[in-house]
PDB file of N, CA and C in Angstrom:
ATOM      1  N   MET A   1      54.953 -36.929 127.099  1.00  0.00           N
ATOM      2  CA  MET A   1      54.769 -38.329 127.427  1.00  0.00           C
ATOM      3  C   MET A   1      56.028 -38.798 128.169  1.00  0.00           C
ATOM      4  N   SER A   2      55.833 -39.544 129.223  1.00  0.00           N
ATOM      5  CA  SER A   2      56.962 -39.982 130.040  1.00  0.00           C
ATOM      6  C   SER A   2      57.668 -41.187 129.415  1.00  0.00           C
ATOM      7  N   GLU A   3      58.877 -41.418 129.880  1.00  0.00           N
ATOM      8  CA  GLU A   3      59.643 -42.578 129.420  1.00  0.00           C
ATOM      9  C   GLU A   3      58.898 -43.871 129.723  1.00  0.00           C
ATOM     10  N   ALA A   4      58.282 -43.946 130.902  1.00  0.00           N
ATOM     11  CA  ALA A   4      57.538 -45.153 131.284  1.00  0.00           C
ATOM     12  C   ALA A   4      56.355 -45.393 130.352  1.00  0.00           C
ATOM     13  N   GLU A   5      55.669 -44.320 129.938  1.00  0.00           N
ATOM     14  CA  GLU A   5      54.537 -44.457 129.024  1.00  0.00           C
ATOM     15  C   GLU A   5      55.002 -44.924 127.642  1.00  0.00           C
ATOM     16  N   ILE A   6      56.129 -44.390 127.196  1.00  0.00           N
ATOM     17  CA  ILE A   6      56.668 -44.820 125.902  1.00  0.00           C
ATOM     18  C   ILE A   6      57.086 -46.276 125.973  1.00  0.00           C
ATOM     19  N   LEU A   7      57.771 -46.659 127.034  1.00  0.00           N
ATOM     20  CA  LEU A   7      58.203 -48.046 127.203  1.00  0.00           C
ATOM     21  C   LEU A   7      57.001 -48.982 127.258  1.00  0.00           C
ATOM     22  N   ALA A   8      55.945 -48.580 127.943  1.00  0.00           N
ATOM     23  CA  ALA A   8      54.726 -49.393 127.999  1.00  0.00           C
ATOM     24  C   ALA A   8      54.104 -49.536 126.611  1.00  0.00           C
ATOM     25  N   GLY A   9      54.109 -48.460 125.846  1.00  0.00           N
ATOM     26  CA  GLY A   9      53.592 -48.523 124.475  1.00  0.00           C
ATOM     27  C   GLY A   9      54.415 -49.453 123.605  1.00  0.00           C
ATOM     28  N   LEU A  10      55.741 -49.384 123.749  1.00  0.00           N
ATOM     29  CA  LEU A  10      56.616 -50.279 122.995  1.00  0.00           C
ATOM     30  C   LEU A  10      56.418 -51.730 123.406  1.00  0.00           C
ATOM     31  N   GLU A  11      56.213 -51.950 124.689  1.00  0.00           N
ATOM     32  CA  GLU A  11      55.968 -53.311 125.175  1.00  0.00           C
ATOM     33  C   GLU A  11      54.663 -53.848 124.595  1.00  0.00           C
ATOM     34  N   ALA A  12      53.645 -53.015 124.509  1.00  0.00           N
ATOM     35  CA  ALA A  12      52.368 -53.433 123.916  1.00  0.00           C
ATOM     36  C   ALA A  12      52.552 -53.787 122.437  1.00  0.00           C
ATOM     37  N   ILE A  13      53.316 -52.967 121.718  1.00  0.00           N
ATOM     38  CA  ILE A  13      53.597 -53.267 120.310  1.00  0.00           C
ATOM     39  C   ILE A  13      54.330 -54.599 120.201  1.00  0.00           C
ATOM     40  N   ALA A  14      55.330 -54.803 121.045  1.00  0.00           N
ATOM     41  CA  ALA A  14      56.114 -56.045 120.996  1.00  0.00           C
ATOM     42  C   ALA A  14      55.235 -57.267 121.247  1.00  0.00           C
ATOM     43  N   ARG A  15      54.300 -57.154 122.179  1.00  0.00           N
ATOM     44  CA  ARG A  15      53.399 -58.274 122.468  1.00  0.00           C
ATOM     45  C   ARG A  15      52.398 -58.499 121.341  1.00  0.00           C
ATOM     46  N   GLU A  16      51.759 -57.413 120.895  1.00  0.00           N
ATOM     47  CA  GLU A  16      50.674 -57.521 119.916  1.00  0.00           C
ATOM     48  C   GLU A  16      51.151 -57.843 118.506  1.00  0.00           C
ATOM     49  N   ARG A  17      52.257 -57.264 118.086  1.00  0.00           N
ATOM     50  CA  ARG A  17      52.682 -57.374 116.687  1.00  0.00           C
ATOM     51  C   ARG A  17      53.922 -58.229 116.464  1.00  0.00           C
ATOM     52  N   LEU A  18      54.735 -58.412 117.515  1.00  0.00           N
ATOM     53  CA  LEU A  18      56.011 -59.108 117.330  1.00  0.00           C
ATOM     54  C   LEU A  18      56.110 -60.397 118.132  1.00  0.00           C
ATOM     55  N   GLU A  19      55.028 -60.761 118.815  1.00  0.00           N
ATOM     56  CA  GLU A  19      54.959 -62.000 119.584  1.00  0.00           C
ATOM     57  C   GLU A  19      56.052 -62.105 120.634  1.00  0.00           C
ATOM     58  N   PHE A  20      56.376 -60.974 121.260  1.00  0.00           N
ATOM     59  CA  PHE A  20      57.369 -60.942 122.335  1.00  0.00           C
ATOM     60  C   PHE A  20      56.625 -61.056 123.649  1.00  0.00           C
ATOM     61  N   ALA A  21      57.047 -61.986 124.504  1.00  0.00           N
ATOM     62  CA  ALA A  21      56.289 -62.270 125.717  1.00  0.00           C
ATOM     63  C   ALA A  21      56.849 -61.624 126.977  1.00  0.00           C
ATOM     64  N   GLY A  22      58.118 -61.296 127.012  1.00  0.00           N
ATOM     65  CA  GLY A  22      58.723 -60.805 128.246  1.00  0.00           C
ATOM     66  C   GLY A  22      58.619 -59.301 128.411  1.00  0.00           C
ATOM     67  N   PRO A  23      59.051 -58.817 129.565  1.00  0.00           N
ATOM     68  CA  PRO A  23      59.088 -57.373 129.774  1.00  0.00           C
ATOM     69  C   PRO A  23      60.249 -56.764 128.977  1.00  0.00           C
ATOM     70  N   LEU A  24      60.064 -55.561 128.501  1.00  0.00           N
ATOM     71  CA  LEU A  24      61.131 -54.879 127.766  1.00  0.00           C
ATOM     72  C   LEU A  24      62.031 -54.138 128.740  1.00  0.00           C
ATOM     73  N   ARG A  25      63.319 -54.251 128.515  1.00  0.00           N
ATOM     74  CA  ARG A  25      64.309 -53.505 129.292  1.00  0.00           C
ATOM     75  C   ARG A  25      64.959 -52.491 128.365  1.00  0.00           C
ATOM     76  N   ARG A  26      65.371 -51.370 128.907  1.00  0.00           N
ATOM     77  CA  ARG A  26      66.032 -50.333 128.100  1.00  0.00           C
ATOM     78  C   ARG A  26      67.275 -50.858 127.402  1.00  0.00           C
ATOM     79  N   ASP A  27      67.986 -51.772 128.044  1.00  0.00           N
ATOM     80  CA  ASP A  27      69.247 -52.250 127.461  1.00  0.00           C
ATOM     81  C   ASP A  27      69.067 -53.455 126.533  1.00  0.00           C
ATOM     82  N   ALA A  28      67.828 -53.881 126.311  1.00  0.00           N
ATOM     83  CA  ALA A  28      67.576 -55.030 125.439  1.00  0.00           C
ATOM     84  C   ALA A  28      67.933 -54.687 123.995  1.00  0.00           C
ATOM     85  N   ASN A  29      68.716 -55.545 123.359  1.00  0.00           N
ATOM     86  CA  ASN A  29      69.103 -55.374 121.965  1.00  0.00           C
ATOM     87  C   ASN A  29      67.948 -55.838 121.080  1.00  0.00           C
ATOM     88  N   LEU A  30      67.535 -54.984 120.155  1.00  0.00           N
ATOM     89  CA  LEU A  30      66.367 -55.297 119.323  1.00  0.00           C
ATOM     90  C   LEU A  30      66.575 -56.534 118.460  1.00  0.00           C
ATOM     91  N   ILE A  31      67.747 -56.688 117.904  1.00  0.00           N
ATOM     92  CA  ILE A  31      67.989 -57.809 116.998  1.00  0.00           C
ATOM     93  C   ILE A  31      68.286 -59.092 117.765  1.00  0.00           C
ATOM     94  N   GLU A  32      69.167 -59.012 118.742  1.00  0.00           N
ATOM     95  CA  GLU A  32      69.587 -60.225 119.453  1.00  0.00           C
ATOM     96  C   GLU A  32      68.548 -60.723 120.448  1.00  0.00           C
ATOM     97  N   GLU A  33      68.051 -59.831 121.300  1.00  0.00           N
ATOM     98  CA  GLU A  33      67.145 -60.270 122.357  1.00  0.00           C
ATOM     99  C   GLU A  33      65.688 -60.354 121.923  1.00  0.00           C
ATOM    100  N   LEU A  34      65.270 -59.429 121.067  1.00  0.00           N
ATOM    101  CA  LEU A  34      63.890 -59.476 120.593  1.00  0.00           C
ATOM    102  C   LEU A  34      63.761 -60.282 119.313  1.00  0.00           C
ATOM    103  N   ARG A  35      64.910 -60.718 118.794  1.00  0.00           N
ATOM    104  CA  ARG A  35      64.964 -61.557 117.585  1.00  0.00           C
ATOM    105  C   ARG A  35      64.227 -60.919 116.408  1.00  0.00           C
ATOM    106  N   LEU A  36      64.549 -59.656 116.154  1.00  0.00           N
ATOM    107  CA  LEU A  36      63.893 -58.952 115.064  1.00  0.00           C
ATOM    108  C   LEU A  36      64.730 -59.033 113.802  1.00  0.00           C
ATOM    109  N   ASP A  37      64.147 -59.588 112.756  1.00  0.00           N
ATOM    110  CA  ASP A  37      64.791 -59.573 111.447  1.00  0.00           C
ATOM    111  C   ASP A  37      64.348 -58.299 110.733  1.00  0.00           C
ATOM    112  N   SER A  38      64.734 -58.133 109.476  1.00  0.00           N
ATOM    113  CA  SER A  38      64.439 -56.884 108.771  1.00  0.00           C
ATOM    114  C   SER A  38      62.933 -56.631 108.643  1.00  0.00           C
ATOM    115  N   LEU A  39      62.152 -57.653 108.408  1.00  0.00           N
ATOM    116  CA  LEU A  39      60.705 -57.471 108.283  1.00  0.00           C
ATOM    117  C   LEU A  39      60.087 -57.081 109.624  1.00  0.00           C
ATOM    118  N   ARG A  40      60.516 -57.724 110.674  1.00  0.00           N
ATOM    119  CA  ARG A  40      59.979 -57.408 112.000  1.00  0.00           C
ATOM    120  C   ARG A  40      60.438 -56.026 112.468  1.00  0.00           C
ATOM    121  N   LEU A  41      61.655 -55.603 112.077  1.00  0.00           N
ATOM    122  CA  LEU A  41      62.111 -54.248 112.391  1.00  0.00           C
ATOM    123  C   LEU A  41      61.239 -53.221 111.667  1.00  0.00           C
ATOM    124  N   LEU A  42      60.888 -53.507 110.426  1.00  0.00           N
ATOM    125  CA  LEU A  42      60.009 -52.621 109.675  1.00  0.00           C
ATOM    126  C   LEU A  42      58.631 -52.549 110.333  1.00  0.00           C
ATOM    127  N   THR A  43      58.126 -53.693 110.755  1.00  0.00           N
ATOM    128  CA  THR A  43      56.845 -53.730 111.461  1.00  0.00           C
ATOM    129  C   THR A  43      56.908 -52.873 112.714  1.00  0.00           C
ATOM    130  N   LEU A  44      57.998 -53.005 113.461  1.00  0.00           N
ATOM    131  CA  LEU A  44      58.174 -52.205 114.679  1.00  0.00           C
ATOM    132  C   LEU A  44      58.172 -50.720 114.341  1.00  0.00           C
ATOM    133  N   ALA A  45      58.914 -50.325 113.320  1.00  0.00           N
ATOM    134  CA  ALA A  45      58.991 -48.911 112.947  1.00  0.00           C
ATOM    135  C   ALA A  45      57.612 -48.363 112.576  1.00  0.00           C
ATOM    136  N   VAL A  46      56.868 -49.108 111.783  1.00  0.00           N
ATOM    137  CA  VAL A  46      55.530 -48.667 111.363  1.00  0.00           C
ATOM    138  C   VAL A  46      54.595 -48.563 112.569  1.00  0.00           C
ATOM    139  N   GLU A  47      54.635 -49.547 113.429  1.00  0.00           N
ATOM    140  CA  GLU A  47      53.768 -49.532 114.610  1.00  0.00           C
ATOM    141  C   GLU A  47      54.129 -48.393 115.559  1.00  0.00           C
ATOM    142  N   VAL A  48      55.417 -48.104 115.702  1.00  0.00           N
ATOM    143  CA  VAL A  48      55.849 -46.978 116.545  1.00  0.00           C
ATOM    144  C   VAL A  48      55.330 -45.669 115.960  1.00  0.00           C
ATOM    145  N   GLU A  49      55.464 -45.510 114.648  1.00  0.00           N
ATOM    146  CA  GLU A  49      54.958 -44.292 114.002  1.00  0.00           C
ATOM    147  C   GLU A  49      53.452 -44.146 114.205  1.00  0.00           C
ATOM    148  N   ASN A  50      52.719 -45.237 114.061  1.00  0.00           N
ATOM    149  CA  ASN A  50      51.267 -45.193 114.222  1.00  0.00           C
ATOM    150  C   ASN A  50      50.850 -44.910 115.660  1.00  0.00           C
ATOM    151  N   ARG A  51      51.458 -45.597 116.601  1.00  0.00           N
ATOM    152  CA  ARG A  51      51.053 -45.464 118.005  1.00  0.00           C
ATOM    153  C   ARG A  51      51.400 -44.099 118.575  1.00  0.00           C
ATOM    154  N   PHE A  52      52.596 -43.605 118.260  1.00  0.00           N
ATOM    155  CA  PHE A  52      53.062 -42.358 118.861  1.00  0.00           C
ATOM    156  C   PHE A  52      52.892 -41.138 117.954  1.00  0.00           C
ATOM    157  N   ARG A  53      52.415 -41.360 116.732  1.00  0.00           N
ATOM    158  CA  ARG A  53      52.185 -40.270 115.773  1.00  0.00           C
ATOM    159  C   ARG A  53      53.455 -39.467 115.522  1.00  0.00           C
ATOM    160  N   VAL A  54      54.543 -40.199 115.266  1.00  0.00           N
ATOM    161  CA  VAL A  54      55.825 -39.586 114.920  1.00  0.00           C
ATOM    162  C   VAL A  54      56.303 -40.173 113.604  1.00  0.00           C
ATOM    163  N   ARG A  55      57.265 -39.510 112.999  1.00  0.00           N
ATOM    164  CA  ARG A  55      57.856 -39.994 111.745  1.00  0.00           C
ATOM    165  C   ARG A  55      59.314 -40.319 112.011  1.00  0.00           C
ATOM    166  N   LEU A  56      59.701 -41.575 111.744  1.00  0.00           N
ATOM    167  CA  LEU A  56      61.079 -42.010 111.924  1.00  0.00           C
ATOM    168  C   LEU A  56      61.778 -41.999 110.566  1.00  0.00           C
ATOM    169  N   ALA A  57      62.854 -41.250 110.477  1.00  0.00           N
ATOM    170  CA  ALA A  57      63.622 -41.194 109.236  1.00  0.00           C
ATOM    171  C   ALA A  57      64.514 -42.432 109.149  1.00  0.00           C
ATOM    172  N   PRO A  58      64.778 -42.912 107.936  1.00  0.00           N
ATOM    173  CA  PRO A  58      65.614 -44.108 107.772  1.00  0.00           C
ATOM    174  C   PRO A  58      66.975 -44.003 108.467  1.00  0.00           C
ATOM    175  N   GLU A  59      67.602 -42.830 108.414  1.00  0.00           N
ATOM    176  CA  GLU A  59      68.901 -42.685 109.073  1.00  0.00           C
ATOM    177  C   GLU A  59      68.778 -42.754 110.595  1.00  0.00           C
ATOM    178  N   GLU A  60      67.638 -42.345 111.132  1.00  0.00           N
ATOM    179  CA  GLU A  60      67.405 -42.466 112.574  1.00  0.00           C
ATOM    180  C   GLU A  60      67.176 -43.928 112.951  1.00  0.00           C
ATOM    181  N   GLU A  61      66.415 -44.630 112.131  1.00  0.00           N
ATOM    182  CA  GLU A  61      66.131 -46.036 112.395  1.00  0.00           C
ATOM    183  C   GLU A  61      67.415 -46.854 112.435  1.00  0.00           C
ATOM    184  N   GLY A  62      68.373 -46.520 111.561  1.00  0.00           N
ATOM    185  CA  GLY A  62      69.625 -47.250 111.499  1.00  0.00           C
ATOM    186  C   GLY A  62      70.477 -47.103 112.747  1.00  0.00           C
ATOM    187  N   ALA A  63      70.244 -46.047 113.521  1.00  0.00           N
ATOM    188  CA  ALA A  63      71.022 -45.797 114.729  1.00  0.00           C
ATOM    189  C   ALA A  63      70.417 -46.463 115.969  1.00  0.00           C
ATOM    190  N   ILE A  64      69.267 -47.095 115.817  1.00  0.00           N
ATOM    191  CA  ILE A  64      68.599 -47.724 116.961  1.00  0.00           C
ATOM    192  C   ILE A  64      69.137 -49.136 117.147  1.00  0.00           C
ATOM    193  N   VAL A  65      69.706 -49.383 118.323  1.00  0.00           N
ATOM    194  CA  VAL A  65      70.239 -50.702 118.635  1.00  0.00           C
ATOM    195  C   VAL A  65      69.471 -51.340 119.789  1.00  0.00           C
ATOM    196  N   THR A  66      69.145 -50.527 120.783  1.00  0.00           N
ATOM    197  CA  THR A  66      68.476 -51.041 121.975  1.00  0.00           C
ATOM    198  C   THR A  66      67.081 -50.435 122.127  1.00  0.00           C
ATOM    199  N   VAL A  67      66.321 -51.017 123.021  1.00  0.00           N
ATOM    200  CA  VAL A  67      65.004 -50.470 123.351  1.00  0.00           C
ATOM    201  C   VAL A  67      65.170 -49.045 123.874  1.00  0.00           C
ATOM    202  N   GLY A  68      66.205 -48.803 124.665  1.00  0.00           N
ATOM    203  CA  GLY A  68      66.463 -47.463 125.200  1.00  0.00           C
ATOM    204  C   GLY A  68      66.704 -46.446 124.098  1.00  0.00           C
ATOM    205  N   ASP A  69      67.437 -46.860 123.050  1.00  0.00           N
ATOM    206  CA  ASP A  69      67.647 -45.965 121.906  1.00  0.00           C
ATOM    207  C   ASP A  69      66.307 -45.569 121.291  1.00  0.00           C
ATOM    208  N   LEU A  70      65.413 -46.527 121.162  1.00  0.00           N
ATOM    209  CA  LEU A  70      64.100 -46.265 120.569  1.00  0.00           C
ATOM    210  C   LEU A  70      63.264 -45.372 121.475  1.00  0.00           C
ATOM    211  N   VAL A  71      63.293 -45.622 122.774  1.00  0.00           N
ATOM    212  CA  VAL A  71      62.568 -44.774 123.725  1.00  0.00           C
ATOM    213  C   VAL A  71      63.066 -43.334 123.614  1.00  0.00           C
ATOM    214  N   ASP A  72      64.387 -43.153 123.594  1.00  0.00           N
ATOM    215  CA  ASP A  72      64.961 -41.811 123.516  1.00  0.00           C
ATOM    216  C   ASP A  72      64.569 -41.113 122.217  1.00  0.00           C
ATOM    217  N   LEU A  73      64.575 -41.840 121.115  1.00  0.00           N
ATOM    218  CA  LEU A  73      64.202 -41.259 119.825  1.00  0.00           C
ATOM    219  C   LEU A  73      62.737 -40.839 119.823  1.00  0.00           C
ATOM    220  N   VAL A  74      61.866 -41.689 120.334  1.00  0.00           N
ATOM    221  CA  VAL A  74      60.439 -41.347 120.386  1.00  0.00           C
ATOM    222  C   VAL A  74      60.236 -40.125 121.277  1.00  0.00           C
ATOM    223  N   ARG A  75      60.907 -40.059 122.413  1.00  0.00           N
ATOM    224  CA  ARG A  75      60.781 -38.885 123.300  1.00  0.00           C
ATOM    225  C   ARG A  75      61.224 -37.616 122.585  1.00  0.00           C
ATOM    226  N   ARG A  76      62.334 -37.704 121.857  1.00  0.00           N
ATOM    227  CA  ARG A  76      62.852 -36.558 121.121  1.00  0.00           C
ATOM    228  C   ARG A  76      61.847 -36.122 120.051  1.00  0.00           C
ATOM    229  N   LYS A  77      61.299 -37.086 119.322  1.00  0.00           N
ATOM    230  CA  LYS A  77      60.326 -36.785 118.268  1.00  0.00           C
ATOM    231  C   LYS A  77      59.057 -36.151 118.857  1.00  0.00           C
ATOM    232  N   LEU A  78      58.589 -36.680 119.969  1.00  0.00           N
ATOM    233  CA  LEU A  78      57.395 -36.126 120.605  1.00  0.00           C
ATOM    234  C   LEU A  78      57.662 -34.707 121.092  1.00  0.00           C
ATOM    235  N   ALA A  79      58.844 -34.458 121.631  1.00  0.00           N
ATOM    236  CA  ALA A  79      59.197 -33.114 122.085  1.00  0.00           C
ATOM    237  C   ALA A  79      59.231 -32.140 120.922  1.00  0.00           C
ATOM    238  N   GLU A  80      59.712 -32.600 119.760  1.00  0.00           N
ATOM    239  CA  GLU A  80      59.760 -31.747 118.563  1.00  0.00           C
ATOM    240  C   GLU A  80      58.349 -31.357 118.120  1.00  0.00           C
ATOM    241  N   THR A  81      57.418 -32.298 118.201  1.00  0.00           N
ATOM    242  CA  THR A  81      56.053 -32.004 117.747  1.00  0.00           C
ATOM    243  C   THR A  81      55.317 -31.114 118.746  1.00  0.00           C
ATOM    244  N   GLU A  82      55.731 -31.158 120.011  1.00  0.00           N
ATOM    245  CA  GLU A  82      55.069 -30.346 121.039  1.00  0.00           C
ATOM    246  C   GLU A  82      55.680 -28.956 121.155  1.00  0.00           C
ATOM    247  N   ALA A  83      56.891 -28.783 120.662  1.00  0.00           N
ATOM    248  CA  ALA A  83      57.576 -27.495 120.775  1.00  0.00           C
ATOM    249  C   ALA A  83      56.888 -26.461 119.890  1.00  0.00           C
ATOM    250  N   PRO A  84      56.745 -25.243 120.400  1.00  0.00           N
ATOM    251  CA  PRO A  84      56.128 -24.198 119.571  1.00  0.00           C
ATOM    252  C   PRO A  84      57.031 -23.829 118.405  1.00  0.00           C
ATOM    253  N   SER A  85      56.432 -23.547 117.271  1.00  0.00           N
ATOM    254  CA  SER A  85      57.194 -23.203 116.073  1.00  0.00           C
ATOM    255  C   SER A  85      57.630 -21.768 116.058  1.00  0.00           C
TER     256      SER A  85
END
């Protein structure tokens, strides 16, 4: 899955579940610019797991500051699931 597809998926989640109206930028801060409190961050994490069929570990979630961080993490997780065992 491409970065653009992941970003589009995240933008859809932000619109549908978090009432975010603007376009998402990679450098957008999740807490400051998207105004996500702890409950909304949890909602985002659950929706990301559901939409992309990945599992986000709590320690990984804590390292996410920007939309770009989340895009990179989802790409990494998707690559792990696609890699042959």
